Amino acid sequence: MSESAGAPRRVPTVAVVILVAAVVGVAGLVAGSALTSGGDRVSRPAEGSAEAGFARDMQAHHAQAVEMSTTVRDATEDPEVRSLALDIMLTQQQQAGQMYGWLEQWDLPQASLAAPMQWMSETGSGMGSMDNRADATAAPGPDAVMPGMASDEDLGRLAQAGGLDAEVLYLRLMVAHHEGGVAMAQAALDLVQYQDVRRLAQAIVGSQTAELAVLNDMLDAREAGSAGR
């Protein structure tokens, strides 16, 4: 999952393909946010800003959640897991489309040479408040991995699993994924000034915290069933 410091970091292809509809849907709303009520232009986040870094990294983070959710829907017939996976897919597709649209609006590229999470280590950024968050957020470097991201090995195992095994693995991976997403969104709330970004970060904290309770309950029930087989 690591990337070299000199290679551009790309939003995964699945994000570009799956999120086209979401980008189109939010384009009008995003364009309007660049103007004040009097029609004057407002300042835009610049390259190297926390806003830009958050938009890029969270797009990639969301894209993996969509990928895992798509995989588990093909691997199980359980209606509860399939319904949850669909909810995660739709929510995170829409949010990723919104972030894609912001970068377009801000005239910033979708890819960056910066290491993942570099935006979270700016001087005076409030990083001291993150001591209890995922360790990966503490000292980002060229080989940093975003918190909660599943490894290629994890994704391969999920793709090969089926039935209850797929459900348990998906729920375990998604618990870690949401915990990492919440940590990233909380960091954004410490750093960003742009109100649209703050609102989305707060929405991610709220929705994924609530979903974590559901994920853990579903996981407990299925792990108990798996142990009894």
Foldseek 3Di string as FASTA:
>chain_A
DFDALQDKDAQDPLLVVVLPVLLVVCLVVLLVLQADPVGDGDDADDPLALLLLLLLQLSSLLSQLLVLLVLQCVFEPPPVSVVVSVVSNVVSSNVNSSSVSSCVSRVHDSIDSHARLPNLPDVPLPCVVLPPADPLNNDTDNGGDQWLDDDPVLSVVLNPHHYLVNLLSSLVSLLRSLSSLLSSLVSCCSGDDSVVSVVVSVVSNVVSVVVSVVSVVVNVVSVVVVVVD
